[in-house]
């Protein structure tokens, strides 16, 4: 059974950092692109980052580029999202999701222009990130 489990969320002050983990079981995460999505209260879920399976290239939403960084730990079958310089607008439930191969969607100069949630077949349960003083 394919399963993703997020962890690492919590309460952090503005300007602080968190590292989210997305651990896979039942499949090899290296064979999959992993997307990160977030849903703020009262808002739709949006994609904020994606990392390809093959070349490891990452893409980011304009709102997080330069502050968030994707990485893989193959032996641990885990993908990480390092989040720095957090602000209140980053408060949301964060989800990771996987799709075989490359990140689907439209990307321009490393920026996510469109990322189709429907293409991601495996989803984690989400982890809450709250940025507040």
Foldseek 3Di string as FASTA:
>chain_A
DWAWAKDWADEAAAQAKIKIKIAIPPDQQLQKKKWKWWDDPPGDIDTAKIAFNPPRQMAGAPVQPPFWDWDDDRVRSMIMIIGGRDDQVPWTWMKMFIAGGGFDADGDPRHGPDGDPVRTDYMHPTDTHGYHD
